[in-house]
Amino acid sequence: APVNLTALSAQYPHIPYLELRDRTLPEVDLWSAVGEDSLEGVYF
């Protein structure tokens, strides 16, 4: 789910040179490809 980087950074005042980066993606159904007529569908 969306990550609040500002709130997270505020929890670490003892580390002034802290950089948090959010490269997450919205949560997905891992099995959404199942049933597709594709190599990806067959694999999952």
PDB file of all heavy atoms in Angstrom:
ATOM      1  N   ALA A   1       0.865  -1.176   0.000  1.00  0.00           N
ATOM      2  CA  ALA A   1       0.000   0.000   0.000  1.00  0.00           C
ATOM      3  C   ALA A   1       0.904   1.230   0.000  1.00  0.00           C
ATOM      4  O   ALA A   1       2.107   1.132   0.263  1.00  0.00           O
ATOM      5  CB  ALA A   1      -0.881  -0.018   1.240  1.00  0.00           C
ATOM      6  N   PRO A   2       0.395   2.416  -0.316  1.00  0.00           N
ATOM      7  CA  PRO A   2       1.234   3.625  -0.350  1.00  0.00           C
ATOM      8  C   PRO A   2       2.061   3.784   0.937  1.00  0.00           C
ATOM      9  O   PRO A   2       1.561   3.593   2.033  1.00  0.00           O
ATOM     10  CB  PRO A   2       0.216   4.748  -0.508  1.00  0.00           C
ATOM     11  CG  PRO A   2      -0.931   4.104  -1.216  1.00  0.00           C
ATOM     12  CD  PRO A   2      -1.007   2.697  -0.681  1.00  0.00           C
ATOM     13  N   VAL A   3       3.333   4.120   0.773  1.00  0.00           N
ATOM     14  CA  VAL A   3       4.262   4.254   1.900  1.00  0.00           C
ATOM     15  C   VAL A   3       4.454   5.738   2.212  1.00  0.00           C
ATOM     16  O   VAL A   3       4.778   6.532   1.316  1.00  0.00           O
ATOM     17  CB  VAL A   3       5.619   3.606   1.569  1.00  0.00           C
ATOM     18  CG1 VAL A   3       6.594   3.791   2.725  1.00  0.00           C
ATOM     19  CG2 VAL A   3       5.441   2.125   1.249  1.00  0.00           C
ATOM     20  N   ASN A   4       4.292   6.115   3.460  1.00  0.00           N
ATOM     21  CA  ASN A   4       4.479   7.502   3.887  1.00  0.00           C
ATOM     22  C   ASN A   4       5.944   7.688   4.291  1.00  0.00           C
ATOM     23  O   ASN A   4       6.329   7.462   5.446  1.00  0.00           O
ATOM     24  CB  ASN A   4       3.552   7.811   5.064  1.00  0.00           C
ATOM     25  CG  ASN A   4       3.563   9.290   5.424  1.00  0.00           C
ATOM     26  OD1 ASN A   4       4.537   9.996   5.182  1.00  0.00           O
ATOM     27  ND2 ASN A   4       2.469   9.771   6.015  1.00  0.00           N
ATOM     28  N   LEU A   5       6.751   8.116   3.352  1.00  0.00           N
ATOM     29  CA  LEU A   5       8.185   8.235   3.606  1.00  0.00           C
ATOM     30  C   LEU A   5       8.495   9.330   4.624  1.00  0.00           C
ATOM     31  O   LEU A   5       9.422   9.193   5.433  1.00  0.00           O
ATOM     32  CB  LEU A   5       8.930   8.526   2.299  1.00  0.00           C
ATOM     33  CG  LEU A   5       8.865   7.432   1.225  1.00  0.00           C
ATOM     34  CD1 LEU A   5       9.679   7.859   0.012  1.00  0.00           C
ATOM     35  CD2 LEU A   5       9.390   6.106   1.762  1.00  0.00           C
ATOM     36  N   THR A   6       7.750  10.410   4.614  1.00  0.00           N
ATOM     37  CA  THR A   6       7.989  11.505   5.557  1.00  0.00           C
ATOM     38  C   THR A   6       7.784  11.042   6.985  1.00  0.00           C
ATOM     39  O   THR A   6       8.607  11.318   7.876  1.00  0.00           O
ATOM     40  CB  THR A   6       7.060  12.693   5.252  1.00  0.00           C
ATOM     41  OG1 THR A   6       7.276  13.134   3.916  1.00  0.00           O
ATOM     42  CG2 THR A   6       7.315  13.842   6.213  1.00  0.00           C
ATOM     43  N   ALA A   7       6.699  10.335   7.226  1.00  0.00           N
ATOM     44  CA  ALA A   7       6.428   9.822   8.573  1.00  0.00           C
ATOM     45  C   ALA A   7       7.463   8.801   8.991  1.00  0.00           C
ATOM     46  O   ALA A   7       7.901   8.765  10.155  1.00  0.00           O
ATOM     47  CB  ALA A   7       5.027   9.226   8.617  1.00  0.00           C
ATOM     48  N   LEU A   8       7.887   7.962   8.062  1.00  0.00           N
ATOM     49  CA  LEU A   8       8.897   6.952   8.386  1.00  0.00           C
ATOM     50  C   LEU A   8      10.228   7.613   8.736  1.00  0.00           C
ATOM     51  O   LEU A   8      10.880   7.249   9.721  1.00  0.00           O
ATOM     52  CB  LEU A   8       9.082   6.004   7.206  1.00  0.00           C
ATOM     53  CG  LEU A   8       8.020   4.914   7.025  1.00  0.00           C
ATOM     54  CD1 LEU A   8       8.220   4.204   5.698  1.00  0.00           C
ATOM     55  CD2 LEU A   8       8.069   3.919   8.174  1.00  0.00           C
ATOM     56  N   SER A   9      10.643   8.593   7.941  1.00  0.00           N
ATOM     57  CA  SER A   9      11.920   9.268   8.198  1.00  0.00           C
ATOM     58  C   SER A   9      11.930   9.945   9.559  1.00  0.00           C
ATOM     59  O   SER A   9      12.965   9.994  10.241  1.00  0.00           O
ATOM     60  CB  SER A   9      12.201  10.300   7.107  1.00  0.00           C
ATOM     61  OG  SER A   9      12.326   9.687   5.850  1.00  0.00           O
ATOM     62  N   ALA A  10      10.780  10.466   9.977  1.00  0.00           N
ATOM     63  CA  ALA A  10      10.689  11.164  11.259  1.00  0.00           C
ATOM     64  C   ALA A  10      10.928  10.234  12.440  1.00  0.00           C
ATOM     65  O   ALA A  10      11.214  10.700  13.550  1.00  0.00           O
ATOM     66  CB  ALA A  10       9.319  11.824  11.388  1.00  0.00           C
ATOM     67  N   GLN A  11      10.843   8.937  12.220  1.00  0.00           N
ATOM     68  CA  GLN A  11      11.065   7.982  13.293  1.00  0.00           C
ATOM     69  C   GLN A  11      12.560   7.776  13.585  1.00  0.00           C
ATOM     70  O   GLN A  11      12.913   7.084  14.537  1.00  0.00           O
ATOM     71  CB  GLN A  11      10.435   6.625  12.940  1.00  0.00           C
ATOM     72  CG  GLN A  11       8.928   6.668  12.788  1.00  0.00           C
ATOM     73  CD  GLN A  11       8.354   5.309  12.435  1.00  0.00           C
ATOM     74  OE1 GLN A  11       8.891   4.261  12.816  1.00  0.00           O
ATOM     75  NE2 GLN A  11       7.252   5.320  11.697  1.00  0.00           N
ATOM     76  N   TYR A  12      13.426   8.386  12.765  1.00  0.00           N
ATOM     77  CA  TYR A  12      14.872   8.151  12.911  1.00  0.00           C
ATOM     78  C   TYR A  12      15.635   9.476  13.022  1.00  0.00           C
ATOM     79  O   TYR A  12      16.520   9.767  12.207  1.00  0.00           O
ATOM     80  CB  TYR A  12      15.384   7.329  11.728  1.00  0.00           C
ATOM     81  CG  TYR A  12      14.613   6.055  11.529  1.00  0.00           C
ATOM     82  CD1 TYR A  12      13.581   5.993  10.591  1.00  0.00           C
ATOM     83  CD2 TYR A  12      14.875   4.929  12.296  1.00  0.00           C
ATOM     84  CE1 TYR A  12      12.840   4.823  10.416  1.00  0.00           C
ATOM     85  CE2 TYR A  12      14.149   3.752  12.121  1.00  0.00           C
ATOM     86  CZ  TYR A  12      13.134   3.716  11.187  1.00  0.00           C
ATOM     87  OH  TYR A  12      12.405   2.551  11.020  1.00  0.00           O
ATOM     88  N   PRO A  13      15.341  10.290  14.031  1.00  0.00           N
ATOM     89  CA  PRO A  13      16.046  11.579  14.171  1.00  0.00           C
ATOM     90  C   PRO A  13      17.530  11.402  14.484  1.00  0.00           C
ATOM     91  O   PRO A  13      18.306  12.340  14.306  1.00  0.00           O
ATOM     92  CB  PRO A  13      15.304  12.253  15.336  1.00  0.00           C
ATOM     93  CG  PRO A  13      14.717  11.117  16.123  1.00  0.00           C
ATOM     94  CD  PRO A  13      14.345  10.080  15.109  1.00  0.00           C
ATOM     95  N   HIS A  14      17.913  10.204  14.955  1.00  0.00           N
ATOM     96  CA  HIS A  14      19.321   9.952  15.289  1.00  0.00           C
ATOM     97  C   HIS A  14      20.159   9.635  14.043  1.00  0.00           C
ATOM     98  O   HIS A  14      21.366   9.430  14.141  1.00  0.00           O
ATOM     99  CB  HIS A  14      19.424   8.792  16.283  1.00  0.00           C
ATOM    100  CG  HIS A  14      18.879   7.495  15.777  1.00  0.00           C
ATOM    101  ND1 HIS A  14      17.548   7.296  15.542  1.00  0.00           N
ATOM    102  CD2 HIS A  14      19.495   6.328  15.457  1.00  0.00           C
ATOM    103  CE1 HIS A  14      17.346   6.064  15.104  1.00  0.00           C
ATOM    104  NE2 HIS A  14      18.509   5.454  15.048  1.00  0.00           N
ATOM    105  N   ILE A  15      19.505   9.600  12.860  1.00  0.00           N
ATOM    106  CA  ILE A  15      20.225   9.360  11.606  1.00  0.00           C
ATOM    107  C   ILE A  15      19.905  10.520  10.662  1.00  0.00           C
ATOM    108  O   ILE A  15      18.987  10.442   9.840  1.00  0.00           O
ATOM    109  CB  ILE A  15      19.826   8.009  10.976  1.00  0.00           C
ATOM    110  CG1 ILE A  15      19.986   6.893  11.995  1.00  0.00           C
ATOM    111  CG2 ILE A  15      20.675   7.721   9.736  1.00  0.00           C
ATOM    112  CD1 ILE A  15      19.544   5.534  11.517  1.00  0.00           C
ATOM    113  N   PRO A  16      20.632  11.623  10.791  1.00  0.00           N
ATOM    114  CA  PRO A  16      20.279  12.827  10.019  1.00  0.00           C
ATOM    115  C   PRO A  16      20.445  12.665   8.513  1.00  0.00           C
ATOM    116  O   PRO A  16      19.813  13.383   7.741  1.00  0.00           O
ATOM    117  CB  PRO A  16      21.224  13.897  10.569  1.00  0.00           C
ATOM    118  CG  PRO A  16      22.373  13.127  11.151  1.00  0.00           C
ATOM    119  CD  PRO A  16      21.790  11.856  11.671  1.00  0.00           C
ATOM    120  N   TYR A  17      21.327  11.737   8.097  1.00  0.00           N
ATOM    121  CA  TYR A  17      21.570  11.568   6.668  1.00  0.00           C
ATOM    122  C   TYR A  17      20.946  10.257   6.210  1.00  0.00           C
ATOM    123  O   TYR A  17      21.625   9.310   5.808  1.00  0.00           O
ATOM    124  CB  TYR A  17      23.068  11.614   6.373  1.00  0.00           C
ATOM    125  CG  TYR A  17      23.724  12.870   6.914  1.00  0.00           C
ATOM    126  CD1 TYR A  17      24.826  12.797   7.754  1.00  0.00           C
ATOM    127  CD2 TYR A  17      23.221  14.131   6.598  1.00  0.00           C
ATOM    128  CE1 TYR A  17      25.408  13.955   8.250  1.00  0.00           C
ATOM    129  CE2 TYR A  17      23.796  15.282   7.088  1.00  0.00           C
ATOM    130  CZ  TYR A  17      24.893  15.190   7.927  1.00  0.00           C
ATOM    131  OH  TYR A  17      25.466  16.327   8.435  1.00  0.00           O
ATOM    132  N   LEU A  18      19.618  10.221   6.293  1.00  0.00           N
ATOM    133  CA  LEU A  18      18.841   9.053   5.893  1.00  0.00           C
ATOM    134  C   LEU A  18      17.979   9.419   4.698  1.00  0.00           C
ATOM    135  O   LEU A  18      17.261  10.430   4.703  1.00  0.00           O
ATOM    136  CB  LEU A  18      17.955   8.575   7.050  1.00  0.00           C
ATOM    137  CG  LEU A  18      16.922   7.490   6.719  1.00  0.00           C
ATOM    138  CD1 LEU A  18      17.610   6.199   6.281  1.00  0.00           C
ATOM    139  CD2 LEU A  18      16.016   7.240   7.923  1.00  0.00           C
ATOM    140  N   GLU A  19      18.053   8.583   3.667  1.00  0.00           N
ATOM    141  CA  GLU A  19      17.231   8.783   2.475  1.00  0.00           C
ATOM    142  C   GLU A  19      16.425   7.512   2.235  1.00  0.00           C
ATOM    143  O   GLU A  19      16.995   6.431   2.046  1.00  0.00           O
ATOM    144  CB  GLU A  19      18.109   9.078   1.259  1.00  0.00           C
ATOM    145  CG  GLU A  19      17.330   9.269  -0.030  1.00  0.00           C
ATOM    146  CD  GLU A  19      18.229   9.486  -1.239  1.00  0.00           C
ATOM    147  OE1 GLU A  19      19.433   9.728  -1.050  1.00  0.00           O
ATOM    148  OE2 GLU A  19      17.713   9.390  -2.376  1.00  0.00           O
ATOM    149  N   LEU A  20      15.109   7.644   2.253  1.00  0.00           N
ATOM    150  CA  LEU A  20      14.219   6.523   1.963  1.00  0.00           C
ATOM    151  C   LEU A  20      13.617   6.720   0.580  1.00  0.00           C
ATOM    152  O   LEU A  20      13.167   7.820   0.238  1.00  0.00           O
ATOM    153  CB  LEU A  20      13.104   6.431   3.010  1.00  0.00           C
ATOM    154  CG  LEU A  20      13.546   6.202   4.463  1.00  0.00           C
ATOM    155  CD1 LEU A  20      12.328   6.175   5.376  1.00  0.00           C
ATOM    156  CD2 LEU A  20      14.345   4.915   4.592  1.00  0.00           C
ATOM    157  N   ARG A  21      13.605   5.652  -0.200  1.00  0.00           N
ATOM    158  CA  ARG A  21      13.042   5.720  -1.550  1.00  0.00           C
ATOM    159  C   ARG A  21      11.986   4.628  -1.712  1.00  0.00           C
ATOM    160  O   ARG A  21      12.222   3.471  -1.324  1.00  0.00           O
ATOM    161  CB  ARG A  21      14.130   5.554  -2.612  1.00  0.00           C
ATOM    162  CG  ARG A  21      15.241   6.586  -2.517  1.00  0.00           C
ATOM    163  CD  ARG A  21      16.098   6.608  -3.763  1.00  0.00           C
ATOM    164  NE  ARG A  21      16.747   5.330  -4.011  1.00  0.00           N
ATOM    165  CZ  ARG A  21      17.555   5.085  -5.056  1.00  0.00           C
ATOM    166  NH1 ARG A  21      17.776   6.044  -5.946  1.00  0.00           N
ATOM    167  NH2 ARG A  21      18.119   3.915  -5.213  1.00  0.00           N
ATOM    168  N   ASP A  22      10.871   5.001  -2.258  1.00  0.00           N
ATOM    169  CA  ASP A  22       9.770   4.054  -2.452  1.00  0.00           C
ATOM    170  C   ASP A  22       9.740   3.605  -3.917  1.00  0.00           C
ATOM    171  O   ASP A  22       9.418   4.375  -4.817  1.00  0.00           O
ATOM    172  CB  ASP A  22       8.441   4.716  -2.078  1.00  0.00           C
ATOM    173  CG  ASP A  22       7.270   3.753  -2.201  1.00  0.00           C
ATOM    174  OD1 ASP A  22       7.505   2.546  -2.410  1.00  0.00           O
ATOM    175  OD2 ASP A  22       6.115   4.211  -2.078  1.00  0.00           O
ATOM    176  N   ARG A  23      10.115   2.361  -4.130  1.00  0.00           N
ATOM    177  CA  ARG A  23      10.049   1.768  -5.466  1.00  0.00           C
ATOM    178  C   ARG A  23       9.058   0.602  -5.476  1.00  0.00           C
ATOM    179  O   ARG A  23       9.151  -0.295  -6.308  1.00  0.00           O
ATOM    180  CB  ARG A  23      11.437   1.288  -5.919  1.00  0.00           C
ATOM    181  CG  ARG A  23      12.477   2.397  -6.036  1.00  0.00           C
ATOM    182  CD  ARG A  23      12.156   3.342  -7.181  1.00  0.00           C
ATOM    183  NE  ARG A  23      13.216   4.326  -7.375  1.00  0.00           N
ATOM    184  CZ  ARG A  23      13.256   5.508  -6.784  1.00  0.00           C
ATOM    185  NH1 ARG A  23      12.279   5.859  -5.941  1.00  0.00           N
ATOM    186  NH2 ARG A  23      14.244   6.346  -7.017  1.00  0.00           N
ATOM    187  N   THR A  24       8.135   0.620  -4.526  1.00  0.00           N
ATOM    188  CA  THR A  24       7.135  -0.442  -4.457  1.00  0.00           C
ATOM    189  C   THR A  24       6.054  -0.214  -5.523  1.00  0.00           C
ATOM    190  O   THR A  24       5.900   0.887  -6.054  1.00  0.00           O
ATOM    191  CB  THR A  24       6.469  -0.504  -3.077  1.00  0.00           C
ATOM    192  OG1 THR A  24       5.794   0.740  -2.819  1.00  0.00           O
ATOM    193  CG2 THR A  24       7.502  -0.741  -1.988  1.00  0.00           C
ATOM    194  N   LEU A  25       5.320  -1.253  -5.785  1.00  0.00           N
ATOM    195  CA  LEU A  25       4.177  -1.191  -6.697  1.00  0.00           C
ATOM    196  C   LEU A  25       2.913  -1.528  -5.928  1.00  0.00           C
ATOM    197  O   LEU A  25       2.972  -2.194  -4.878  1.00  0.00           O
ATOM    198  CB  LEU A  25       4.363  -2.177  -7.851  1.00  0.00           C
ATOM    199  CG  LEU A  25       5.494  -1.872  -8.835  1.00  0.00           C
ATOM    200  CD1 LEU A  25       5.606  -2.999  -9.852  1.00  0.00           C
ATOM    201  CD2 LEU A  25       5.268  -0.551  -9.532  1.00  0.00           C
ATOM    202  N   PRO A  26       1.764  -1.081  -6.419  1.00  0.00           N
ATOM    203  CA  PRO A  26       0.514  -1.436  -5.734  1.00  0.00           C
ATOM    204  C   PRO A  26       0.364  -2.949  -5.637  1.00  0.00           C
ATOM    205  O   PRO A  26       0.804  -3.693  -6.519  1.00  0.00           O
ATOM    206  CB  PRO A  26      -0.567  -0.830  -6.647  1.00  0.00           C
ATOM    207  CG  PRO A  26       0.139   0.265  -7.379  1.00  0.00           C
ATOM    208  CD  PRO A  26       1.546  -0.207  -7.570  1.00  0.00           C
ATOM    209  N   GLU A  27      -0.213  -3.378  -4.538  1.00  0.00           N
ATOM    210  CA  GLU A  27      -0.381  -4.807  -4.327  1.00  0.00           C
ATOM    211  C   GLU A  27      -1.176  -5.421  -5.470  1.00  0.00           C
ATOM    212  O   GLU A  27      -2.140  -4.843  -5.970  1.00  0.00           O
ATOM    213  CB  GLU A  27      -1.095  -5.051  -2.994  1.00  0.00           C
ATOM    214  CG  GLU A  27      -0.237  -4.643  -1.791  1.00  0.00           C
ATOM    215  CD  GLU A  27      -0.937  -4.868  -0.477  1.00  0.00           C
ATOM    216  OE1 GLU A  27      -1.956  -4.202  -0.254  1.00  0.00           O
ATOM    217  OE2 GLU A  27      -0.465  -5.719   0.299  1.00  0.00           O
ATOM    218  N   VAL A  28      -0.742  -6.605  -5.887  1.00  0.00           N
ATOM    219  CA  VAL A  28      -1.379  -7.284  -7.023  1.00  0.00           C
ATOM    220  C   VAL A  28      -1.705  -8.718  -6.647  1.00  0.00           C
ATOM    221  O   VAL A  28      -1.179  -9.278  -5.679  1.00  0.00           O
ATOM    222  CB  VAL A  28      -0.446  -7.295  -8.256  1.00  0.00           C
ATOM    223  CG1 VAL A  28      -0.165  -5.891  -8.739  1.00  0.00           C
ATOM    224  CG2 VAL A  28       0.846  -8.028  -7.942  1.00  0.00           C
ATOM    225  N   ASP A  29      -2.584  -9.295  -7.434  1.00  0.00           N
ATOM    226  CA  ASP A  29      -2.891 -10.711  -7.314  1.00  0.00           C
ATOM    227  C   ASP A  29      -1.810 -11.484  -8.064  1.00  0.00           C
ATOM    228  O   ASP A  29      -1.683 -11.360  -9.289  1.00  0.00           O
ATOM    229  CB  ASP A  29      -4.267 -10.996  -7.900  1.00  0.00           C
ATOM    230  CG  ASP A  29      -4.629 -12.484  -7.860  1.00  0.00           C
ATOM    231  OD1 ASP A  29      -3.846 -13.257  -7.280  1.00  0.00           O
ATOM    232  OD2 ASP A  29      -5.677 -12.833  -8.410  1.00  0.00           O
ATOM    233  N   LEU A  30      -0.999 -12.257  -7.326  1.00  0.00           N
ATOM    234  CA  LEU A  30       0.099 -12.977  -7.963  1.00  0.00           C
ATOM    235  C   LEU A  30      -0.384 -13.919  -9.054  1.00  0.00           C
ATOM    236  O   LEU A  30       0.367 -14.258  -9.964  1.00  0.00           O
ATOM    237  CB  LEU A  30       0.888 -13.774  -6.913  1.00  0.00           C
ATOM    238  CG  LEU A  30       1.684 -12.973  -5.880  1.00  0.00           C
ATOM    239  CD1 LEU A  30       2.354 -13.910  -4.896  1.00  0.00           C
ATOM    240  CD2 LEU A  30       2.722 -12.099  -6.566  1.00  0.00           C
ATOM    241  N   TRP A  31      -1.604 -14.332  -8.939  1.00  0.00           N
ATOM    242  CA  TRP A  31      -2.109 -15.365  -9.857  1.00  0.00           C
ATOM    243  C   TRP A  31      -3.022 -14.781 -10.937  1.00  0.00           C
ATOM    244  O   TRP A  31      -3.769 -15.510 -11.591  1.00  0.00           O
ATOM    245  CB  TRP A  31      -2.855 -16.438  -9.053  1.00  0.00           C
ATOM    246  CG  TRP A  31      -2.080 -16.876  -7.853  1.00  0.00           C
ATOM    247  CD1 TRP A  31      -2.353 -16.609  -6.556  1.00  0.00           C
ATOM    248  CD2 TRP A  31      -0.867 -17.616  -7.858  1.00  0.00           C
ATOM    249  NE1 TRP A  31      -1.393 -17.146  -5.728  1.00  0.00           N
ATOM    250  CE2 TRP A  31      -0.464 -17.779  -6.503  1.00  0.00           C
ATOM    251  CE3 TRP A  31      -0.066 -18.171  -8.861  1.00  0.00           C
ATOM    252  CZ2 TRP A  31       0.686 -18.467  -6.130  1.00  0.00           C
ATOM    253  CZ3 TRP A  31       1.079 -18.862  -8.493  1.00  0.00           C
ATOM    254  CH2 TRP A  31       1.456 -19.003  -7.147  1.00  0.00           C
ATOM    255  N   SER A  32      -2.941 -13.481 -11.150  1.00  0.00           N
ATOM    256  CA  SER A  32      -3.844 -12.838 -12.113  1.00  0.00           C
ATOM    257  C   SER A  32      -3.627 -13.334 -13.537  1.00  0.00           C
ATOM    258  O   SER A  32      -4.536 -13.244 -14.372  1.00  0.00           O
ATOM    259  CB  SER A  32      -3.657 -11.316 -12.063  1.00  0.00           C
ATOM    260  OG  SER A  32      -2.306 -10.975 -12.383  1.00  0.00           O
ATOM    261  N   ALA A  33      -2.448 -13.834 -13.849  1.00  0.00           N
ATOM    262  CA  ALA A  33      -2.165 -14.298 -15.216  1.00  0.00           C
ATOM    263  C   ALA A  33      -2.684 -15.696 -15.484  1.00  0.00           C
ATOM    264  O   ALA A  33      -2.717 -16.137 -16.640  1.00  0.00           O
ATOM    265  CB  ALA A  33      -0.662 -14.244 -15.482  1.00  0.00           C
ATOM    266  N   VAL A  34      -3.050 -16.410 -14.406  1.00  0.00           N
ATOM    267  CA  VAL A  34      -3.533 -17.787 -14.573  1.00  0.00           C
ATOM    268  C   VAL A  34      -4.789 -17.774 -15.449  1.00  0.00           C
ATOM    269  O   VAL A  34      -5.719 -16.996 -15.222  1.00  0.00           O
ATOM    270  CB  VAL A  34      -3.837 -18.433 -13.206  1.00  0.00           C
ATOM    271  CG1 VAL A  34      -4.499 -19.806 -13.396  1.00  0.00           C
ATOM    272  CG2 VAL A  34      -2.558 -18.577 -12.401  1.00  0.00           C
ATOM    273  N   GLY A  35      -4.791 -18.641 -16.443  1.00  0.00           N
ATOM    274  CA  GLY A  35      -5.927 -18.704 -17.366  1.00  0.00           C
ATOM    275  C   GLY A  35      -5.668 -17.983 -18.665  1.00  0.00           C
ATOM    276  O   GLY A  35      -6.405 -18.171 -19.637  1.00  0.00           O
ATOM    277  N   GLU A  36      -4.621 -17.137 -18.696  1.00  0.00           N
ATOM    278  CA  GLU A  36      -4.289 -16.450 -19.945  1.00  0.00           C
ATOM    279  C   GLU A  36      -3.675 -17.440 -20.935  1.00  0.00           C
ATOM    280  O   GLU A  36      -2.971 -18.375 -20.552  1.00  0.00           O
ATOM    281  CB  GLU A  36      -3.296 -15.311 -19.686  1.00  0.00           C
ATOM    282  CG  GLU A  36      -3.858 -14.150 -18.901  1.00  0.00           C
ATOM    283  CD  GLU A  36      -2.815 -13.051 -18.700  1.00  0.00           C
ATOM    284  OE1 GLU A  36      -1.677 -13.215 -19.220  1.00  0.00           O
ATOM    285  OE2 GLU A  36      -3.122 -12.038 -18.039  1.00  0.00           O
ATOM    286  N   ASP A  37      -3.940 -17.221 -22.198  1.00  0.00           N
ATOM    287  CA  ASP A  37      -3.357 -18.057 -23.248  1.00  0.00           C
ATOM    288  C   ASP A  37      -1.995 -17.477 -23.634  1.00  0.00           C
ATOM    289  O   ASP A  37      -1.816 -16.865 -24.690  1.00  0.00           O
ATOM    290  CB  ASP A  37      -4.290 -18.099 -24.466  1.00  0.00           C
ATOM    291  CG  ASP A  37      -3.766 -19.066 -25.535  1.00  0.00           C
ATOM    292  OD1 ASP A  37      -2.913 -19.905 -25.190  1.00  0.00           O
ATOM    293  OD2 ASP A  37      -4.210 -18.951 -26.693  1.00  0.00           O
ATOM    294  N   SER A  38      -1.044 -17.623 -22.693  1.00  0.00           N
ATOM    295  CA  SER A  38       0.300 -17.060 -22.886  1.00  0.00           C
ATOM    296  C   SER A  38       1.299 -17.874 -22.089  1.00  0.00           C
ATOM    297  O   SER A  38       0.919 -18.673 -21.212  1.00  0.00           O
ATOM    298  CB  SER A  38       0.352 -15.600 -22.423  1.00  0.00           C
ATOM    299  OG  SER A  38       0.118 -15.527 -21.021  1.00  0.00           O
ATOM    300  N   LEU A  39       2.571 -17.689 -22.409  1.00  0.00           N
ATOM    301  CA  LEU A  39       3.625 -18.366 -21.654  1.00  0.00           C
ATOM    302  C   LEU A  39       3.570 -17.963 -20.188  1.00  0.00           C
ATOM    303  O   LEU A  39       3.763 -18.791 -19.287  1.00  0.00           O
ATOM    304  CB  LEU A  39       4.998 -18.026 -22.250  1.00  0.00           C
ATOM    305  CG  LEU A  39       6.210 -18.721 -21.615  1.00  0.00           C
ATOM    306  CD1 LEU A  39       6.091 -20.234 -21.727  1.00  0.00           C
ATOM    307  CD2 LEU A  39       7.502 -18.238 -22.281  1.00  0.00           C
ATOM    308  N   GLU A  40       3.290 -16.668 -19.934  1.00  0.00           N
ATOM    309  CA  GLU A  40       3.174 -16.189 -18.557  1.00  0.00           C
ATOM    310  C   GLU A  40       2.033 -16.902 -17.841  1.00  0.00           C
ATOM    311  O   GLU A  40       2.169 -17.317 -16.684  1.00  0.00           O
ATOM    312  CB  GLU A  40       2.938 -14.682 -18.572  1.00  0.00           C
ATOM    313  CG  GLU A  40       2.851 -14.041 -17.203  1.00  0.00           C
ATOM    314  CD  GLU A  40       2.667 -12.542 -17.291  1.00  0.00           C
ATOM    315  OE1 GLU A  40       3.153 -11.927 -18.261  1.00  0.00           O
ATOM    316  OE2 GLU A  40       2.002 -11.988 -16.378  1.00  0.00           O
ATOM    317  N   GLY A  41       0.902 -17.054 -18.520  1.00  0.00           N
ATOM    318  CA  GLY A  41      -0.234 -17.727 -17.908  1.00  0.00           C
ATOM    319  C   GLY A  41       0.067 -19.168 -17.582  1.00  0.00           C
ATOM    320  O   GLY A  41      -0.296 -19.675 -16.503  1.00  0.00           O
ATOM    321  N   VAL A  42       0.721 -19.868 -18.511  1.00  0.00           N
ATOM    322  CA  VAL A  42       1.081 -21.274 -18.275  1.00  0.00           C
ATOM    323  C   VAL A  42       2.040 -21.396 -17.100  1.00  0.00           C
ATOM    324  O   VAL A  42       1.902 -22.273 -16.243  1.00  0.00           O
ATOM    325  CB  VAL A  42       1.707 -21.884 -19.556  1.00  0.00           C
ATOM    326  CG1 VAL A  42       2.255 -23.284 -19.265  1.00  0.00           C
ATOM    327  CG2 VAL A  42       0.684 -21.929 -20.679  1.00  0.00           C
ATOM    328  N   TYR A  43       3.017 -20.491 -17.049  1.00  0.00           N
ATOM    329  CA  TYR A  43       4.026 -20.541 -15.980  1.00  0.00           C
ATOM    330  C   TYR A  43       3.390 -20.381 -14.603  1.00  0.00           C
ATOM    331  O   TYR A  43       3.628 -21.170 -13.682  1.00  0.00           O
ATOM    332  CB  TYR A  43       5.067 -19.441 -16.225  1.00  0.00           C
ATOM    333  CG  TYR A  43       6.047 -19.245 -15.098  1.00  0.00           C
ATOM    334  CD1 TYR A  43       7.086 -20.144 -14.872  1.00  0.00           C
ATOM    335  CD2 TYR A  43       5.934 -18.146 -14.236  1.00  0.00           C
ATOM    336  CE1 TYR A  43       7.979 -19.964 -13.831  1.00  0.00           C
ATOM    337  CE2 TYR A  43       6.825 -17.949 -13.197  1.00  0.00           C
ATOM    338  CZ  TYR A  43       7.847 -18.876 -13.005  1.00  0.00           C
ATOM    339  OH  TYR A  43       8.722 -18.693 -11.960  1.00  0.00           O
ATOM    340  N   PHE A  44       2.541 -19.357 -14.452  1.00  0.00           N
ATOM    341  CA  PHE A  44       1.929 -19.126 -13.141  1.00  0.00           C
ATOM    342  C   PHE A  44       0.914 -20.219 -12.800  1.00  0.00           C
ATOM    343  O   PHE A  44       0.719 -20.528 -11.625  1.00  0.00           O
ATOM    344  CB  PHE A  44       1.280 -17.733 -13.091  1.00  0.00           C
ATOM    345  CG  PHE A  44       2.264 -16.631 -12.837  1.00  0.00           C
ATOM    346  CD1 PHE A  44       2.815 -15.901 -13.884  1.00  0.00           C
ATOM    347  CD2 PHE A  44       2.667 -16.332 -11.540  1.00  0.00           C
ATOM    348  CE1 PHE A  44       3.741 -14.890 -13.640  1.00  0.00           C
ATOM    349  CE2 PHE A  44       3.588 -15.318 -11.286  1.00  0.00           C
ATOM    350  CZ  PHE A  44       4.134 -14.600 -12.344  1.00  0.00           C
TER     351      PHE A  44
END
